C-alpha atoms as a PDB file:
ATOM      1  CA  MET A   1     126.218  66.903  71.083  1.00  0.00           C
ATOM      2  CA  SER A   2     129.248  69.174  71.178  1.00  0.00           C
ATOM      3  CA  LYS A   3     129.998  71.541  74.078  1.00  0.00           C
ATOM      4  CA  LYS A   4     129.488  74.450  71.784  1.00  0.00           C
ATOM      5  CA  THR A   5     126.101  73.132  70.645  1.00  0.00           C
ATOM      6  CA  THR A   6     125.129  72.264  74.236  1.00  0.00           C
ATOM      7  CA  PHE A   7     125.944  75.923  75.277  1.00  0.00           C
ATOM      8  CA  PHE A   8     123.853  77.433  72.580  1.00  0.00           C
ATOM      9  CA  PHE A   9     120.966  75.059  73.268  1.00  0.00           C
ATOM     10  CA  LEU A  10     121.108  75.953  76.933  1.00  0.00           C
ATOM     11  CA  VAL A  11     121.123  79.684  76.158  1.00  0.00           C
ATOM     12  CA  ASN A  12     118.123  79.399  73.871  1.00  0.00           C
ATOM     13  CA  LEU A  13     116.263  77.414  76.365  1.00  0.00           C
ATOM     14  CA  LEU A  14     116.825  80.026  79.133  1.00  0.00           C
ATOM     15  CA  LEU A  15     115.726  82.854  76.686  1.00  0.00           C
ATOM     16  CA  PHE A  16     112.586  80.813  75.699  1.00  0.00           C
ATOM     17  CA  LEU A  17     111.690  80.209  79.414  1.00  0.00           C
ATOM     18  CA  CYS A  18     112.201  84.001  80.167  1.00  0.00           C
ATOM     19  CA  LEU A  19     109.953  85.050  77.219  1.00  0.00           C
ATOM     20  CA  LYS A  20     107.280  82.510  78.230  1.00  0.00           C
ATOM     21  CA  ALA A  21     107.290  83.572  81.937  1.00  0.00           C
ATOM     22  CA  PRO A  22     103.889  84.895  82.989  1.00  0.00           C
ATOM     23  CA  THR A  23     103.435  88.671  83.587  1.00  0.00           C
ATOM     24  CA  GLY A  24     102.208  88.203  87.073  1.00  0.00           C
ATOM     25  CA  GLN A  25     105.167  86.510  88.557  1.00  0.00           C
ATOM     26  CA  ALA A  26     105.239  85.887  92.180  1.00  0.00           C
ATOM     27  CA  LYS A  27     107.312  88.406  94.205  1.00  0.00           C
ATOM     28  CA  ASP A  28     107.718  89.899  97.581  1.00  0.00           C
ATOM     29  CA  ILE A  29     105.503  92.864  98.149  1.00  0.00           C
ATOM     30  CA  THR A  30     105.526  95.207 101.100  1.00  0.00           C
ATOM     31  CA  VAL A  31     102.107  95.869 102.570  1.00  0.00           C
ATOM     32  CA  GLY A  32     101.421  98.917 104.587  1.00  0.00           C
ATOM     33  CA  ILE A  33      99.561  98.165 107.893  1.00  0.00           C
ATOM     34  CA  PRO A  34      97.921 101.222 109.684  1.00  0.00           C
ATOM     35  CA  HIS A  35      96.439 100.923 113.216  1.00  0.00           C
ATOM     36  CA  ASN A  36      92.766 100.942 112.715  1.00  0.00           C
ATOM     37  CA  PRO A  37      91.280  98.117 114.885  1.00  0.00           C
ATOM     38  CA  PRO A  38      89.261  96.066 114.641  1.00  0.00           C
ATOM     39  CA  LEU A  39      89.457  96.553 110.773  1.00  0.00           C
ATOM     40  CA  VAL A  40      93.381  96.268 110.508  1.00  0.00           C
ATOM     41  CA  PHE A  41      96.190  96.151 113.089  1.00  0.00           C
ATOM     42  CA  ARG A  42      99.522  94.624 113.659  1.00  0.00           C
ATOM     43  CA  ASP A  43      99.396  91.458 115.681  1.00  0.00           C
ATOM     44  CA  GLY A  44     102.933  90.236 116.304  1.00  0.00           C
ATOM     45  CA  ASP A  45     104.538  89.330 112.952  1.00  0.00           C
ATOM     46  CA  ARG A  46     101.149  89.147 111.185  1.00  0.00           C
ATOM     47  CA  ALA A  47      98.271  91.501 110.284  1.00  0.00           C
ATOM     48  CA  GLY A  48      94.959  91.106 112.130  1.00  0.00           C
ATOM     49  CA  GLY A  49      91.584  92.299 111.173  1.00  0.00           C
ATOM     50  CA  ILE A  50      88.922  91.736 108.619  1.00  0.00           C
ATOM     51  CA  ILE A  51      90.530  93.744 105.862  1.00  0.00           C
ATOM     52  CA  PRO A  52      94.130  92.006 105.724  1.00  0.00           C
ATOM     53  CA  THR A  53      92.332  88.624 106.107  1.00  0.00           C
ATOM     54  CA  ILE A  54      90.597  89.087 102.873  1.00  0.00           C
ATOM     55  CA  ALA A  55      93.204  91.197 101.084  1.00  0.00           C
ATOM     56  CA  ILE A  56      96.186  89.024 101.861  1.00  0.00           C
ATOM     57  CA  LYS A  57      94.185  85.952 100.797  1.00  0.00           C
ATOM     58  CA  ALA A  58      93.735  87.532  97.407  1.00  0.00           C
ATOM     59  CA  LEU A  59      97.389  88.527  97.099  1.00  0.00           C
ATOM     60  CA  LYS A  60      98.497  85.046  97.937  1.00  0.00           C
ATOM     61  CA  LYS A  61      96.142  83.713  95.286  1.00  0.00           C
ATOM     62  CA  MET A  62      98.002  85.879  92.839  1.00  0.00           C
ATOM     63  CA  GLY A  63     101.127  84.078  94.031  1.00  0.00           C
ATOM     64  CA  HIS A  64     102.713  86.892  95.984  1.00  0.00           C
ATOM     65  CA  ARG A  65     104.818  86.651  99.229  1.00  0.00           C
ATOM     66  CA  VAL A  66     103.756  89.443 101.772  1.00  0.00           C
ATOM     67  CA  VAL A  67     105.950  91.564 103.995  1.00  0.00           C
ATOM     68  CA  PHE A  68     104.109  93.701 106.400  1.00  0.00           C
ATOM     69  CA  ARG A  69     105.239  97.164 107.545  1.00  0.00           C
ATOM     70  CA  SER A  70     103.438  99.193 110.306  1.00  0.00           C
ATOM     71  CA  MET A  71     102.816 102.900 109.650  1.00  0.00           C
ATOM     72  CA  PRO A  72     100.379 105.709 110.167  1.00  0.00           C
ATOM     73  CA  PHE A  73      97.844 106.490 107.497  1.00  0.00           C
ATOM     74  CA  GLY A  74      99.484 109.674 106.253  1.00  0.00           C
ATOM     75  CA  ARG A  75     102.943 108.113 105.654  1.00  0.00           C
ATOM     76  CA  MET A  76     101.109 104.934 104.019  1.00  0.00           C
ATOM     77  CA  TYR A  77      99.323 107.011 101.508  1.00  0.00           C
ATOM     78  CA  LYS A  78     102.456 108.940 100.632  1.00  0.00           C
ATOM     79  CA  TRP A  79     104.683 105.781 100.290  1.00  0.00           C
ATOM     80  CA  LEU A  80     102.020 104.003  98.234  1.00  0.00           C
ATOM     81  CA  HIS A  81     101.696 106.775  95.833  1.00  0.00           C
ATOM     82  CA  SER A  82     105.526 107.110  95.446  1.00  0.00           C
ATOM     83  CA  GLY A  83     105.906 103.265  95.057  1.00  0.00           C
ATOM     84  CA  LYS A  84     107.824 102.977  98.194  1.00  0.00           C
ATOM     85  CA  ILE A  85     105.390 100.322  99.369  1.00  0.00           C
ATOM     86  CA  ASP A  86     103.396  98.047  96.988  1.00  0.00           C
ATOM     87  CA  VAL A  87      99.996  97.678  98.832  1.00  0.00           C
ATOM     88  CA  ALA A  88      98.028  99.795 101.370  1.00  0.00           C
ATOM     89  CA  LEU A  89      95.239  98.340 103.509  1.00  0.00           C
ATOM     90  CA  SER A  90      92.016  99.976 104.998  1.00  0.00           C
ATOM     91  CA  VAL A  91      92.111 102.850 102.603  1.00  0.00           C
ATOM     92  CA  LEU A  92      89.418 105.213 101.078  1.00  0.00           C
ATOM     93  CA  ALA A  93      89.477 105.973  97.417  1.00  0.00           C
ATOM     94  CA  THR A  94      89.047 109.374  96.202  1.00  0.00           C
ATOM     95  CA  PRO A  95      89.361 110.901  92.610  1.00  0.00           C
ATOM     96  CA  GLN A  96      92.717 112.453  93.436  1.00  0.00           C
ATOM     97  CA  ARG A  97      94.052 109.320  95.197  1.00  0.00           C
ATOM     98  CA  GLN A  98      92.955 107.176  92.312  1.00  0.00           C
ATOM     99  CA  LYS A  99      95.341 109.046  89.965  1.00  0.00           C
ATOM    100  CA  ASN A 100      98.399 107.889  91.912  1.00  0.00           C
ATOM    101  CA  ALA A 101      97.453 104.175  92.615  1.00  0.00           C
ATOM    102  CA  HIS A 102      95.086 101.271  91.699  1.00  0.00           C
ATOM    103  CA  TYR A 103      92.382 101.329  94.430  1.00  0.00           C
ATOM    104  CA  SER A 104      90.329  98.142  94.691  1.00  0.00           C
ATOM    105  CA  ASP A 105      86.661  97.657  94.953  1.00  0.00           C
ATOM    106  CA  PRO A 106      85.257  97.952  98.516  1.00  0.00           C
ATOM    107  CA  ILE A 107      85.977  95.106 100.904  1.00  0.00           C
ATOM    108  CA  LEU A 108      83.738  96.586 103.622  1.00  0.00           C
ATOM    109  CA  VAL A 109      81.379  99.519 103.968  1.00  0.00           C
ATOM    110  CA  GLU A 110      81.416 101.150 107.281  1.00  0.00           C
ATOM    111  CA  LYS A 111      78.571 103.437 108.408  1.00  0.00           C
ATOM    112  CA  LEU A 112      79.256 106.794 109.922  1.00  0.00           C
ATOM    113  CA  ASN A 113      77.529 107.724 113.223  1.00  0.00           C
ATOM    114  CA  ILE A 114      77.617 110.727 115.429  1.00  0.00           C
ATOM    115  CA  ALA A 115      79.199 110.353 118.902  1.00  0.00           C
ATOM    116  CA  THR A 116      77.587 112.561 121.545  1.00  0.00           C
ATOM    117  CA  HIS A 117      78.037 113.330 125.136  1.00  0.00           C
ATOM    118  CA  THR A 118      75.725 111.149 127.216  1.00  0.00           C
ATOM    119  CA  GLN A 119      74.684 114.376 129.076  1.00  0.00           C
ATOM    120  CA  GLY A 120      74.698 116.709 126.239  1.00  0.00           C
ATOM    121  CA  LYS A 121      71.880 118.664 124.821  1.00  0.00           C
ATOM    122  CA  PRO A 122      70.036 116.534 122.249  1.00  0.00           C
ATOM    123  CA  HIS A 123      70.125 117.669 118.599  1.00  0.00           C
ATOM    124  CA  ASP A 124      68.514 116.650 115.363  1.00  0.00           C
ATOM    125  CA  LEU A 125      70.688 116.577 112.187  1.00  0.00           C
ATOM    126  CA  SER A 126      69.883 120.331 111.613  1.00  0.00           C
ATOM    127  CA  GLY A 127      71.022 121.059 115.047  1.00  0.00           C
ATOM    128  CA  PHE A 128      74.435 119.235 114.500  1.00  0.00           C
ATOM    129  CA  ALA A 129      74.786 121.122 111.220  1.00  0.00           C
ATOM    130  CA  LYS A 130      74.740 124.447 113.153  1.00  0.00           C
ATOM    131  CA  HIS A 131      76.783 123.428 116.105  1.00  0.00           C
ATOM    132  CA  GLY A 132      80.466 122.432 116.197  1.00  0.00           C
ATOM    133  CA  ILE A 133      80.976 118.827 114.948  1.00  0.00           C
ATOM    134  CA  CYS A 134      84.436 117.223 114.932  1.00  0.00           C
ATOM    135  CA  GLY A 135      86.067 115.140 112.146  1.00  0.00           C
ATOM    136  CA  ILE A 136      89.512 113.945 111.088  1.00  0.00           C
ATOM    137  CA  ILE A 137      91.920 116.003 109.059  1.00  0.00           C
ATOM    138  CA  GLY A 138      92.441 114.352 105.688  1.00  0.00           C
ATOM    139  CA  PHE A 139      89.437 112.240 105.968  1.00  0.00           C
ATOM    140  CA  SER A 140      86.867 112.501 103.154  1.00  0.00           C
ATOM    141  CA  TYR A 141      83.220 112.958 104.078  1.00  0.00           C
ATOM    142  CA  PRO A 142      81.426 112.890 100.745  1.00  0.00           C
ATOM    143  CA  THR A 143      78.480 110.889 101.744  1.00  0.00           C
ATOM    144  CA  LEU A 144      77.155 112.773 104.726  1.00  0.00           C
ATOM    145  CA  ILE A 145      73.331 113.317 104.620  1.00  0.00           C
ATOM    146  CA  PHE A 146      73.753 116.811 106.162  1.00  0.00           C
ATOM    147  CA  THR A 147      76.114 119.823 105.716  1.00  0.00           C
ATOM    148  CA  PRO A 148      77.949 120.725 108.845  1.00  0.00           C
ATOM    149  CA  GLN A 149      78.367 124.602 108.977  1.00  0.00           C
ATOM    150  CA  ASN A 150      81.001 124.357 111.747  1.00  0.00           C
ATOM    151  CA  MET A 151      83.191 121.418 111.025  1.00  0.00           C
ATOM    152  CA  ILE A 152      86.246 121.314 113.325  1.00  0.00           C
ATOM    153  CA  LEU A 153      89.028 119.019 112.065  1.00  0.00           C
ATOM    154  CA  GLU A 154      91.490 117.409 114.380  1.00  0.00           C
ATOM    155  CA  LYS A 155      94.479 115.029 113.881  1.00  0.00           C
ATOM    156  CA  ASP A 156      92.852 112.040 115.689  1.00  0.00           C
ATOM    157  CA  TYR A 157      89.668 110.799 117.384  1.00  0.00           C
ATOM    158  CA  ALA A 158      91.238 111.124 120.787  1.00  0.00           C
ATOM    159  CA  THR A 159      91.353 114.821 120.330  1.00  0.00           C
ATOM    160  CA  CYS A 160      87.849 114.979 118.923  1.00  0.00           C
ATOM    161  CA  LEU A 161      86.442 112.945 121.730  1.00  0.00           C
ATOM    162  CA  SER A 162      88.343 114.990 124.390  1.00  0.00           C
ATOM    163  CA  SER A 163      86.705 118.082 122.866  1.00  0.00           C
ATOM    164  CA  LEU A 164      83.373 116.348 123.063  1.00  0.00           C
ATOM    165  CA  THR A 165      83.694 115.424 126.736  1.00  0.00           C
ATOM    166  CA  LYS A 166      84.586 119.114 127.542  1.00  0.00           C
ATOM    167  CA  LYS A 167      81.376 119.940 125.453  1.00  0.00           C
ATOM    168  CA  GLN A 168      83.504 122.114 123.090  1.00  0.00           C
ATOM    169  CA  VAL A 169      81.828 120.430 120.142  1.00  0.00           C
ATOM    170  CA  ALA A 170      78.292 118.833 119.921  1.00  0.00           C
ATOM    171  CA  GLY A 171      79.291 115.770 118.215  1.00  0.00           C
ATOM    172  CA  VAL A 172      81.907 113.545 116.513  1.00  0.00           C
ATOM    173  CA  ILE A 173      81.557 111.919 113.212  1.00  0.00           C
ATOM    174  CA  ILE A 174      82.995 108.433 113.674  1.00  0.00           C
ATOM    175  CA  GLY A 175      82.717 104.931 112.190  1.00  0.00           C
ATOM    176  CA  SER A 176      80.086 102.378 113.357  1.00  0.00           C
ATOM    177  CA  ILE A 177      82.773  99.580 113.511  1.00  0.00           C
ATOM    178  CA  THR A 178      85.809 101.558 114.649  1.00  0.00           C
ATOM    179  CA  GLY A 179      83.980 104.079 116.888  1.00  0.00           C
ATOM    180  CA  PRO A 180      83.052 101.722 119.695  1.00  0.00           C
ATOM    181  CA  TYR A 181      86.553 100.349 119.913  1.00  0.00           C
ATOM    182  CA  ILE A 182      87.964 103.902 119.987  1.00  0.00           C
ATOM    183  CA  ILE A 183      85.528 105.035 122.680  1.00  0.00           C
ATOM    184  CA  ARG A 184      86.375 101.917 124.801  1.00  0.00           C
ATOM    185  CA  ASN A 185      90.021 102.420 124.377  1.00  0.00           C
ATOM    186  CA  GLU A 186      89.752 106.008 125.637  1.00  0.00           C
ATOM    187  CA  ARG A 187      87.789 104.803 128.527  1.00  0.00           C
ATOM    188  CA  LEU A 188      84.835 106.987 127.632  1.00  0.00           C
ATOM    189  CA  ASP A 189      82.107 104.424 127.656  1.00  0.00           C
ATOM    190  CA  ARG A 190      80.139 106.312 130.277  1.00  0.00           C
ATOM    191  CA  LYS A 191      80.410 109.799 128.779  1.00  0.00           C
ATOM    192  CA  VAL A 192      80.166 109.122 125.059  1.00  0.00           C
ATOM    193  CA  THR A 193      77.437 107.308 123.048  1.00  0.00           C
ATOM    194  CA  LEU A 194      76.721 106.621 119.497  1.00  0.00           C
ATOM    195  CA  LEU A 195      73.431 107.973 118.144  1.00  0.00           C
ATOM    196  CA  PRO A 196      71.369 105.386 116.180  1.00  0.00           C
ATOM    197  CA  GLY A 197      71.028 105.896 112.474  1.00  0.00           C
ATOM    198  CA  ALA A 198      73.875 106.388 109.859  1.00  0.00           C
ATOM    199  CA  VAL A 199      74.655 109.801 108.633  1.00  0.00           C
ATOM    200  CA  GLY A 200      77.006 108.517 105.867  1.00  0.00           C
ATOM    201  CA  PHE A 201      79.202 105.663 104.932  1.00  0.00           C
ATOM    202  CA  VAL A 202      82.764 105.021 103.871  1.00  0.00           C
ATOM    203  CA  ASN A 203      83.964 102.277 101.320  1.00  0.00           C
ATOM    204  CA  ILE A 204      87.080 100.625 102.884  1.00  0.00           C
ATOM    205  CA  GLY A 205      89.385  98.629 100.591  1.00  0.00           C
ATOM    206  CA  ALA A 206      92.935  98.234  99.531  1.00  0.00           C
ATOM    207  CA  ALA A 207      95.223  99.922  96.968  1.00  0.00           C
ATOM    208  CA  LEU A 208      97.977  98.641  94.777  1.00  0.00           C
ATOM    209  CA  SER A 209     100.877 100.830  93.676  1.00  0.00           C
ATOM    210  CA  HIS A 210     101.321 101.733  90.075  1.00  0.00           C
ATOM    211  CA  LYS A 211     104.911 100.785  90.317  1.00  0.00           C
ATOM    212  CA  ALA A 212     104.332  97.172  91.266  1.00  0.00           C
ATOM    213  CA  PHE A 213     100.949  96.274  89.795  1.00  0.00           C
ATOM    214  CA  SER A 214      99.169  96.796  86.519  1.00  0.00           C
ATOM    215  CA  ASP A 215      95.510  97.335  85.582  1.00  0.00           C
ATOM    216  CA  ASN A 216      95.139  93.664  84.890  1.00  0.00           C
ATOM    217  CA  ASP A 217      96.610  92.915  88.333  1.00  0.00           C
ATOM    218  CA  LEU A 218      93.958  95.126  89.913  1.00  0.00           C
ATOM    219  CA  ALA A 219      91.210  93.229  87.959  1.00  0.00           C
ATOM    220  CA  GLU A 220      92.668  89.929  89.151  1.00  0.00           C
ATOM    221  CA  PHE A 221      92.847  91.231  92.802  1.00  0.00           C
ATOM    222  CA  ASN A 222      89.290  92.439  92.686  1.00  0.00           C
ATOM    223  CA  HIS A 223      88.097  89.178  91.181  1.00  0.00           C
ATOM    224  CA  HIS A 224      89.789  87.317  94.253  1.00  0.00           C
ATOM    225  CA  ILE A 225      88.308  89.784  96.656  1.00  0.00           C
ATOM    226  CA  LEU A 226      84.754  89.272  95.255  1.00  0.00           C
ATOM    227  CA  THR A 227      85.045  85.453  95.143  1.00  0.00           C
ATOM    228  CA  THR A 228      86.083  85.459  98.853  1.00  0.00           C
ATOM    229  CA  LEU A 229      83.361  87.840  99.956  1.00  0.00           C
ATOM    230  CA  GLN A 230      80.656  85.797  98.170  1.00  0.00           C
ATOM    231  CA  SER A 231      81.910  82.366  99.728  1.00  0.00           C
ATOM    232  CA  PRO A 232      80.416  80.983 102.927  1.00  0.00           C
ATOM    233  CA  GLU A 233      83.677  81.771 104.741  1.00  0.00           C
ATOM    234  CA  GLY A 234      83.723  85.246 103.475  1.00  0.00           C
ATOM    235  CA  GLN A 235      80.078  85.839 104.559  1.00  0.00           C
ATOM    236  CA  ALA A 236      80.958  84.546 107.967  1.00  0.00           C
ATOM    237  CA  LEU A 237      83.752  86.950 108.259  1.00  0.00           C
ATOM    238  CA  ILE A 238      82.015  90.106 107.304  1.00  0.00           C
ATOM    239  CA  ALA A 239      78.774  89.252 109.179  1.00  0.00           C
ATOM    240  CA  PRO A 240      79.835  90.742 112.553  1.00  0.00           C
ATOM    241  CA  TYR A 241      80.565  93.973 110.830  1.00  0.00           C
ATOM    242  CA  GLN A 242      77.281  94.501 108.953  1.00  0.00           C
END
């Protein structure tokens, strides 16, 4: 075979391999990690928590290599929707957000409870609806079983809980999984308690950027998530949070 023939053979072979390459090729993807323990948190050079444990497994099954980047929720949503990061974890899908990224099926459902002062005046739901109750700015509460008439929104739970201990609000809407951790972290175990009975719930999942992923990629991601959740390993992982 002449050098010229060999050259054209190699060129054609390269073109063939490129055309036959699968659409879901492995690539490095940047994953936003917010601080939302025990669901997701940065643990040295890895991500800890139930959400990344399941989501990262799905991404690796798709053949991707993962690079973690810690950031607050607000920046994570903004960067995800602009394509500056490829994946965001521990996110809540809303109709508006779903226009800007591929939001996965729920990985975990967290109940919402009301945190009250241990020495506060007891209220039923109608009482909480009338009195000041604290929530988080930017957080969606579409599933509440009552309608707060005086909803006070703060930037974080620490501020809400501070208002509660000063009896400036009657309660704080907080997650059943993340709430106890936050209360312990603020050293308010003796001052704040969670009322039994859920007042709503949130579906927590992951989101993939439009820039890095397609509709088919989302379907594959959801398939891997569901397969893991239905496996004995997945059932054992989520059991403590149900």
